[in-house]
Amino acid sequence: MFSVSNQIINLLIQKNLTISTCESVTGGLIASEFTNTPHASKVFLGGIVTYSNKSKTILANVDTKLIESKGAISIVTAQAMAIGIQKKMKTDLAIAITGNAGPITSEDKPIGLAYLSIRIIDKFYDYTLNATSSERNAIRTELAFLALDKLLKLLMSMDRSASKI
């Protein structure tokens, strides 16, 4: 994963953009990849792990009613997590992920399913991710890699000459 996170950090530096993370299913693996990358502190301002529904509401300001009606494992919850961390950290970008790593299904959602929301300024880029691994930690690692890959492809597709998106 290092080369992917390295490319992301370099693109964010080139574009003069900051990023923050809000992670549930990946438990901080995305933030960890960023902090393993040289010069990440220039653009990665920090992140939170909102592993429980309570932490989603307290730390990321996700409305309890939203979680109750849509579920913690939903794209709208991922979007709310992205908004919450982006506002809290005052970053240009936020990446948020929520899902199910098992060992049992949750909210009638299959093991390996995750929802990823990347928010750039005020625009959402949303993805449904499906891990193919069968072991819990392998699922979490795979989902973190898939999320970083989506972020890298998104950044690469944008105008490289623009300092702000």
Protein backbone atom coordinates (compact mmCIF):
# COMPACT_ATOMS: atom_id res chain seq x y z
CA MET A 1 0.00 0.00 0.00
CA PHE A 2 2.92 2.34 0.59
CA SER A 3 3.35 3.32 -3.05
CA VAL A 4 -0.35 4.21 -3.34
CA SER A 5 -0.31 6.37 -0.22
CA ASN A 6 2.96 7.94 -1.34
CA GLN A 7 1.38 8.90 -4.67
CA ILE A 8 -1.67 10.31 -2.88
CA ILE A 9 0.42 12.41 -0.52
CA ASN A 10 2.55 13.72 -3.39
CA LEU A 11 -0.54 14.66 -5.42
CA LEU A 12 -2.09 16.43 -2.44
CA ILE A 13 1.16 18.36 -1.89
CA GLN A 14 1.26 19.33 -5.58
CA LYS A 15 -2.36 20.46 -5.46
CA ASN A 16 -1.90 22.20 -2.09
CA LEU A 17 -4.80 20.26 -0.59
CA THR A 18 -5.31 18.90 2.92
CA ILE A 19 -7.03 15.66 3.91
CA SER A 20 -8.54 14.03 6.98
CA THR A 21 -9.92 10.54 7.63
CA CYS A 22 -12.91 9.08 9.44
CA GLU A 23 -12.69 5.30 9.62
CA SER A 24 -14.92 2.63 11.03
CA VAL A 25 -14.37 -0.79 9.44
CA THR A 26 -10.69 -0.11 8.63
CA GLY A 27 -9.96 1.01 12.19
CA GLY A 28 -7.33 3.59 11.27
CA LEU A 29 -5.48 1.63 8.59
CA ILE A 30 -5.89 4.45 6.05
CA ALA A 31 -4.54 7.04 8.48
CA SER A 32 -1.72 4.67 9.32
CA GLU A 33 -0.77 4.40 5.66
CA PHE A 34 -0.70 8.17 5.38
CA THR A 35 1.50 8.55 8.45
CA ASN A 36 3.90 5.92 7.09
CA THR A 37 4.46 8.21 4.10
CA PRO A 38 7.23 10.83 4.08
CA HIS A 39 5.98 14.44 4.12
CA ALA A 40 2.41 13.39 4.95
CA SER A 41 2.26 15.99 7.70
CA LYS A 42 2.19 18.68 5.01
CA VAL A 43 -1.29 17.56 3.91
CA PHE A 44 -2.69 14.93 6.32
CA LEU A 45 -4.11 16.84 9.29
CA GLY A 46 -5.42 13.82 11.17
CA GLY A 47 -8.19 11.33 11.50
CA ILE A 48 -10.55 9.56 13.82
CA VAL A 49 -11.71 6.00 14.26
CA THR A 50 -15.45 5.86 14.78
CA TYR A 51 -15.81 2.16 15.31
CA SER A 52 -19.05 2.28 17.28
CA ASN A 53 -22.29 4.06 16.49
CA LYS A 54 -21.79 6.15 19.62
CA SER A 55 -18.37 7.32 18.45
CA LYS A 56 -19.82 8.19 15.04
CA THR A 57 -22.27 10.55 16.75
CA ILE A 58 -19.86 11.98 19.33
CA LEU A 59 -16.71 12.34 17.22
CA ALA A 60 -18.04 12.81 13.67
CA ASN A 61 -21.37 14.46 14.53
CA VAL A 62 -23.38 11.81 12.67
CA ASP A 63 -27.03 12.16 13.62
CA THR A 64 -28.25 9.21 15.72
CA LYS A 65 -31.54 9.25 13.78
CA LEU A 66 -29.61 8.82 10.52
CA ILE A 67 -27.85 5.73 11.85
CA GLU A 68 -31.14 4.35 13.19
CA SER A 69 -32.98 4.88 9.91
CA LYS A 70 -30.26 4.14 7.32
CA GLY A 71 -27.86 1.99 9.33
CA ALA A 72 -24.24 2.48 10.29
CA ILE A 73 -23.26 0.53 7.18
CA SER A 74 -24.66 2.85 4.51
CA ILE A 75 -23.46 5.42 2.02
CA VAL A 76 -25.36 8.20 3.80
CA THR A 77 -23.58 7.39 7.05
CA ALA A 78 -20.23 7.43 5.21
CA GLN A 79 -21.16 10.83 3.78
CA ALA A 80 -22.10 12.15 7.21
CA MET A 81 -18.79 10.85 8.59
CA ALA A 82 -16.93 12.66 5.79
CA ILE A 83 -18.75 15.91 6.49
CA GLY A 84 -18.11 15.56 10.22
CA ILE A 85 -14.35 15.06 9.96
CA GLN A 86 -13.95 17.61 7.18
CA LYS A 87 -15.65 20.29 9.29
CA LYS A 88 -13.82 19.28 12.47
CA MET A 89 -10.37 19.28 10.82
CA LYS A 90 -11.08 22.07 8.30
CA THR A 91 -9.59 20.09 5.41
CA ASP A 92 -10.15 20.30 1.67
CA LEU A 93 -10.72 16.55 1.42
CA ALA A 94 -12.15 13.93 3.73
CA ILE A 95 -12.26 10.19 3.28
CA ALA A 96 -14.74 8.14 5.31
CA ILE A 97 -15.41 4.42 5.32
CA THR A 98 -17.89 2.19 7.11
CA GLY A 99 -18.61 -1.47 6.58
CA ASN A 100 -18.64 -5.02 7.88
CA ALA A 101 -15.46 -7.06 8.38
CA GLY A 102 -17.25 -9.93 10.10
CA PRO A 103 -17.14 -12.50 11.49
CA ILE A 104 -20.95 -12.26 11.30
CA THR A 105 -23.29 -10.19 9.17
CA SER A 106 -24.45 -6.90 10.60
CA GLU A 107 -27.54 -4.92 9.60
CA ASP A 108 -28.22 -7.71 7.07
CA LYS A 109 -25.12 -6.53 5.18
CA PRO A 110 -22.70 -9.16 3.93
CA ILE A 111 -19.23 -9.56 5.35
CA GLY A 112 -16.74 -7.62 3.27
CA LEU A 113 -19.17 -4.88 2.22
CA ALA A 114 -18.12 -1.28 2.83
CA TYR A 115 -19.22 2.17 1.79
CA LEU A 116 -16.64 4.82 1.00
CA SER A 117 -17.30 8.52 0.71
CA ILE A 118 -14.63 10.93 -0.44
CA ARG A 119 -15.60 14.57 -0.05
CA ILE A 120 -13.63 17.18 -1.95
CA ILE A 121 -14.57 20.69 -0.88
CA ASP A 122 -18.37 20.18 -1.01
CA LYS A 123 -18.71 17.37 -3.57
CA PHE A 124 -19.13 13.68 -2.73
CA TYR A 125 -17.55 10.78 -4.59
CA ASP A 126 -19.20 7.64 -3.28
CA TYR A 127 -18.26 4.00 -3.75
CA THR A 128 -19.47 0.58 -2.73
CA LEU A 129 -16.53 -1.70 -1.93
CA ASN A 130 -16.58 -5.48 -1.68
CA ALA A 131 -13.64 -7.32 -0.17
CA THR A 132 -12.90 -10.78 -1.52
CA SER A 133 -10.85 -11.90 1.48
CA SER A 134 -12.47 -14.20 4.00
CA GLU A 135 -10.51 -13.44 7.20
CA ARG A 136 -11.42 -10.37 9.26
CA ASN A 137 -8.07 -8.57 9.27
CA ALA A 138 -7.48 -9.40 5.61
CA ILE A 139 -10.88 -7.85 4.83
CA ARG A 140 -9.98 -4.69 6.74
CA THR A 141 -6.62 -4.42 4.95
CA GLU A 142 -8.20 -5.05 1.56
CA LEU A 143 -10.88 -2.41 2.17
CA ALA A 144 -8.21 0.13 3.18
CA PHE A 145 -6.28 -0.62 -0.01
CA LEU A 146 -9.44 -0.37 -2.15
CA ALA A 147 -10.27 2.98 -0.54
CA LEU A 148 -6.77 4.35 -1.15
CA ASP A 149 -6.90 3.10 -4.74
CA LYS A 150 -10.22 4.91 -5.33
CA LEU A 151 -8.79 8.10 -3.82
CA LEU A 152 -5.65 7.90 -5.97
CA LYS A 153 -7.63 7.33 -9.17
CA LEU A 154 -9.94 10.22 -8.31
CA LEU A 155 -7.03 12.60 -7.66
CA MET A 156 -5.26 11.49 -10.83
CA SER A 157 -8.37 12.12 -12.90
CA MET A 158 -8.55 15.73 -11.78
CA ASP A 159 -6.66 18.59 -13.35
CA ARG A 160 -3.07 18.23 -12.15
CA SER A 161 -2.25 21.85 -12.87
CA ALA A 162 -4.91 23.22 -10.53
CA SER A 163 -3.67 24.15 -7.10
CA LYS A 164 -7.19 23.86 -5.69
CA ILE A 165 -9.92 21.57 -6.91
